C-alpha cells in the first residue's frame, strides 16, 4: 500500500481516503482530487473488504469495556452530584467569580 496526497499524479487503480471515506477509481493515469491535506492509500478493494471482519471483531471485543466505562462514568457522576448537594455553604464548582465583587455605583 502506497500513500499519496491530493493533487499527485497517479496511475490506474483504486485510491481510498479513509479519513473522509472517499474512493477514487482511476481508469488511467490522472490526478487525485483534493489538496495537500487529502491523503490517499492505493490498495486493492479485496483488501479493504477483508479488513471489515477484523475491524468488526475488534469492535465486538471492545464493546463490553466501552459499556463498563459508560456505566462507571454515569455512576460516578450521580455519586458526585449527590455529594455536592450535601455540602453546605453554597459551594457550586460550576461557577467562578474571578472578577471579584461588583462595586456599587453612586
Protein backbone atom coordinates (compact mmCIF):
# COMPACT_ATOMS: atom_id res chain seq x y z
CA UNK A 1 0.00 0.00 0.00
CA UNK A 2 1.39 3.34 -1.07
CA UNK A 3 0.36 6.75 0.26
CA UNK A 4 -0.48 9.72 -1.94
CA UNK A 5 -1.70 13.29 -1.41
CA UNK A 6 -4.39 15.19 -3.26
CA UNK A 7 -3.01 16.67 -6.48
CA UNK A 8 -0.48 13.85 -7.01
CA UNK A 9 -0.25 12.26 -10.46
CA UNK A 10 -1.12 8.57 -10.12
CA UNK A 11 -1.53 5.54 -12.35
CA UNK A 12 -4.53 3.26 -12.86
CA UNK A 13 -6.06 1.81 -9.68
CA UNK A 14 -8.34 2.38 -6.71
CA UNK A 15 -7.40 5.04 -4.16
CA UNK A 16 -9.04 5.38 -0.76
CA UNK A 17 -9.24 8.39 1.56
CA UNK A 18 -10.01 6.69 4.88
CA UNK A 19 -10.49 9.98 6.73
CA UNK A 20 -13.42 11.11 4.58
CA UNK A 21 -14.39 7.69 3.23
CA UNK A 22 -13.99 8.71 -0.41
CA UNK A 23 -12.94 6.21 -3.03
CA UNK A 24 -11.44 7.31 -6.34
CA UNK A 25 -11.24 4.86 -9.26
CA UNK A 26 -8.67 5.84 -11.87
CA UNK A 27 -9.28 4.25 -15.28
CA UNK A 28 -5.92 5.53 -16.45
CA UNK A 29 -3.23 7.92 -15.35
CA UNK A 30 -4.64 11.02 -13.65
CA UNK A 31 -4.50 13.48 -10.77
CA UNK A 32 -6.09 12.78 -7.39
CA UNK A 33 -8.75 15.27 -6.26
CA UNK A 34 -8.28 17.44 -3.18
CA UNK A 35 -5.42 19.41 -1.68
CA UNK A 36 -2.32 18.60 0.39
CA UNK A 37 -4.46 17.61 3.40
CA UNK A 38 -6.25 14.85 1.46
CA UNK A 39 -4.31 11.63 1.92
CA UNK A 40 -4.99 8.60 -0.21
CA UNK A 41 -3.89 4.99 0.02
CA UNK A 42 -3.68 2.74 -3.01
CA UNK A 43 -4.88 -0.71 -2.13
CA UNK A 44 -6.99 -3.35 -3.84
CA UNK A 45 -10.73 -3.39 -2.98
CA UNK A 46 -10.40 -7.02 -1.89
CA UNK A 47 -8.00 -5.96 0.89
CA UNK A 48 -10.46 -3.32 2.14
CA UNK A 49 -13.30 -5.86 2.12
CA UNK A 50 -11.22 -8.40 4.04
CA UNK A 51 -10.31 -5.80 6.68
CA UNK A 52 -14.01 -5.34 7.55
CA UNK A 53 -14.33 -8.54 9.62
CA UNK A 54 -11.13 -7.67 11.51
CA UNK A 55 -12.47 -4.23 12.43
CA UNK A 56 -15.80 -5.86 13.40
CA UNK A 57 -14.00 -8.35 15.64
CA UNK A 58 -12.16 -5.51 17.37
CA UNK A 59 -15.48 -3.72 17.95
CA UNK A 60 -17.12 -6.84 19.40
CA UNK A 61 -14.18 -7.39 21.78
CA UNK A 62 -14.08 -3.72 22.86
CA UNK A 63 -17.87 -3.28 23.31
CA UNK A 64 -18.07 -4.73 26.87
CA UNK A 65 -15.26 -2.41 28.00
CA UNK A 66 -16.98 0.58 26.40
CA UNK A 67 -20.25 -0.33 28.18
CA UNK A 68 -18.47 -0.78 31.52
CA UNK A 69 -16.74 2.59 31.15
CA UNK A 70 -20.06 4.27 30.34
CA UNK A 71 -21.78 2.73 33.36
CA UNK A 72 -18.92 3.71 35.71
CA UNK A 73 -18.89 7.28 34.36
CA UNK A 74 -22.63 7.70 34.85
CA UNK A 75 -22.50 6.19 38.36
CA UNK A 76 -19.60 8.45 39.37
CA UNK A 77 -21.49 11.49 38.05
CA UNK A 78 -24.60 10.59 40.08
CA UNK A 79 -22.47 9.96 43.17
CA UNK A 80 -20.64 13.28 42.88
CA UNK A 81 -23.90 15.14 42.28
CA UNK A 82 -25.31 13.61 45.47
CA UNK A 83 -22.21 14.55 47.49
CA UNK A 84 -22.16 18.12 46.17
CA UNK A 85 -25.82 18.62 47.16
CA UNK A 86 -24.94 17.66 50.78
CA UNK A 87 -22.03 20.11 51.10
CA UNK A 88 -23.10 23.27 52.98
CA UNK A 89 -22.13 26.92 52.34
CA UNK A 90 -23.48 27.02 48.79
CA UNK A 91 -20.39 25.54 47.19
CA UNK A 92 -21.01 25.42 43.43
CA UNK A 93 -17.99 24.14 41.47
CA UNK A 94 -19.57 25.11 38.15
CA UNK A 95 -19.45 28.83 38.95
CA UNK A 96 -16.41 31.08 39.08
CA UNK A 97 -16.38 34.68 40.27
CA UNK A 98 -12.89 35.66 39.24
CA UNK A 99 -13.66 39.33 38.75
CA UNK A 100 -14.36 39.98 42.42
CA UNK A 101 -17.45 41.66 43.83
CA UNK A 102 -19.14 44.40 41.87
CA UNK A 103 -18.77 47.88 43.27
CA UNK A 104 -21.93 49.82 43.97
CA UNK A 105 -22.49 52.82 41.75
CA UNK A 106 -23.02 56.15 43.49
